[in-house]
Amino acid sequence: MSHFTIALSSAVILLASIIPDGAHAQRRRVFDKPTISSVPDGTSVFYDDGKCPKGQIARFHKRLRREELTRQCVPRRGKGQGGQGSRRG
C-alpha cells in the first residue's frame, strides 16, 4: 500500500468522524410544538401532534430563508431516526 493511499484513507476517516451524518444533522424528534423560530433554516423536525394516521408522525420542515413551516405526515421509523414512541405533552 502506498503512502498516498494510506494518507488518503486517513483523511477520509478523519473527515467522516468530524462531519455530522446528514440524517442526524438535519432531522430530529422534538417534544414541544415546532414554531418558525424553533426550527433552524433548512431542517426538518418530527413532532407527534396526534393528527397523523396510526404509524405516522408529522414532519415540520423550514426551507432556507423562508419564514414558513410545512407539515407532512410521514411513516415512523426506528428509534433515533425520526420518532417512535408515545406522544408527550
Protein backbone atom coordinates (compact mmCIF):
# COMPACT_ATOMS: atom_id res chain seq x y z
CA MET A 1 0.00 0.00 0.00
CA SER A 2 1.49 3.35 -0.99
CA HIS A 3 1.96 6.30 1.34
CA PHE A 4 -0.56 8.24 -0.75
CA THR A 5 -3.25 5.58 -0.26
CA ILE A 6 -2.61 5.47 3.49
CA ALA A 7 -2.74 9.28 3.73
CA LEU A 8 -5.94 9.43 1.67
CA SER A 9 -7.59 6.72 3.77
CA SER A 10 -6.62 8.53 6.97
CA ALA A 11 -8.04 11.81 5.65
CA VAL A 12 -11.35 10.15 4.74
CA ILE A 13 -11.64 8.56 8.18
CA LEU A 14 -10.84 11.87 9.88
CA LEU A 15 -13.40 13.78 7.81
CA ALA A 16 -16.06 11.15 8.39
CA SER A 17 -15.59 11.46 12.12
CA ILE A 18 -15.99 15.25 12.23
CA ILE A 19 -18.72 15.80 9.60
CA PRO A 20 -22.13 15.03 11.07
CA ASP A 21 -24.30 12.46 9.36
CA GLY A 22 -26.91 14.22 7.21
CA ALA A 23 -29.86 12.45 8.81
CA HIS A 24 -28.79 13.35 12.33
CA ALA A 25 -27.78 16.88 11.42
CA GLN A 26 -30.97 17.69 9.53
CA ARG A 27 -33.73 15.78 11.35
CA ARG A 28 -34.63 15.18 14.95
CA ARG A 29 -37.64 14.45 17.13
CA VAL A 30 -38.92 17.25 19.32
CA PHE A 31 -41.41 17.17 22.18
CA ASP A 32 -42.59 20.79 22.01
CA LYS A 33 -44.73 22.02 19.11
CA PRO A 34 -42.41 23.37 16.38
CA THR A 35 -42.53 27.08 15.59
CA ILE A 36 -40.83 29.16 12.92
CA SER A 37 -38.32 30.39 15.49
CA SER A 38 -37.58 26.94 16.96
CA VAL A 39 -36.76 25.15 13.69
CA PRO A 40 -33.45 26.16 12.07
CA ASP A 41 -33.47 27.04 8.36
CA GLY A 42 -33.12 24.04 6.06
CA THR A 43 -34.03 21.43 8.67
CA SER A 44 -36.89 19.10 9.49
CA VAL A 45 -38.16 18.03 12.89
CA PHE A 46 -40.62 15.32 13.82
CA TYR A 47 -43.44 16.02 16.28
CA ASP A 48 -46.37 13.81 17.21
CA ASP A 49 -49.25 16.27 17.09
CA GLY A 50 -51.85 13.48 17.13
CA LYS A 51 -53.23 14.46 13.70
CA CYS A 52 -51.49 11.84 11.54
CA PRO A 53 -52.81 8.31 10.89
CA LYS A 54 -51.59 5.43 13.03
CA GLY A 55 -47.97 4.55 12.25
CA GLN A 56 -47.14 8.05 11.02
CA ILE A 57 -45.67 11.19 12.56
CA ALA A 58 -45.76 14.84 11.49
CA ARG A 59 -42.64 16.24 9.86
CA PHE A 60 -42.24 20.00 10.05
CA HIS A 61 -39.76 21.50 7.59
CA LYS A 62 -38.39 25.04 7.32
CA ARG A 63 -36.83 25.91 3.98
CA LEU A 64 -33.77 28.08 3.73
CA ARG A 65 -34.51 31.80 4.06
CA ARG A 66 -38.27 31.25 4.31
CA GLU A 67 -40.46 32.24 7.22
CA GLU A 68 -42.84 29.30 6.95
CA LEU A 69 -43.12 25.72 8.16
CA THR A 70 -44.54 22.93 6.05
CA ARG A 71 -46.19 19.94 7.72
CA GLN A 72 -46.44 16.43 6.28
CA CYS A 73 -47.38 13.06 7.75
CA VAL A 74 -44.61 10.52 7.16
CA PRO A 75 -44.08 6.89 8.25
CA ARG A 76 -42.48 6.45 11.64
CA ARG A 77 -39.00 4.96 11.61
CA GLY A 78 -36.98 3.06 14.17
CA LYS A 79 -35.85 4.67 17.39
CA GLY A 80 -33.46 7.58 16.80
CA GLN A 81 -34.48 8.03 13.17
CA GLY A 82 -37.27 10.50 13.39
CA GLY A 83 -39.58 9.31 16.03
CA GLN A 84 -41.02 6.32 17.66
CA GLY A 85 -42.70 6.14 20.98
CA SER A 86 -45.54 7.79 22.80
CA ARG A 87 -46.71 11.34 22.45
CA ARG A 88 -45.71 13.83 25.11
CA GLY A 89 -47.46 16.99 26.18
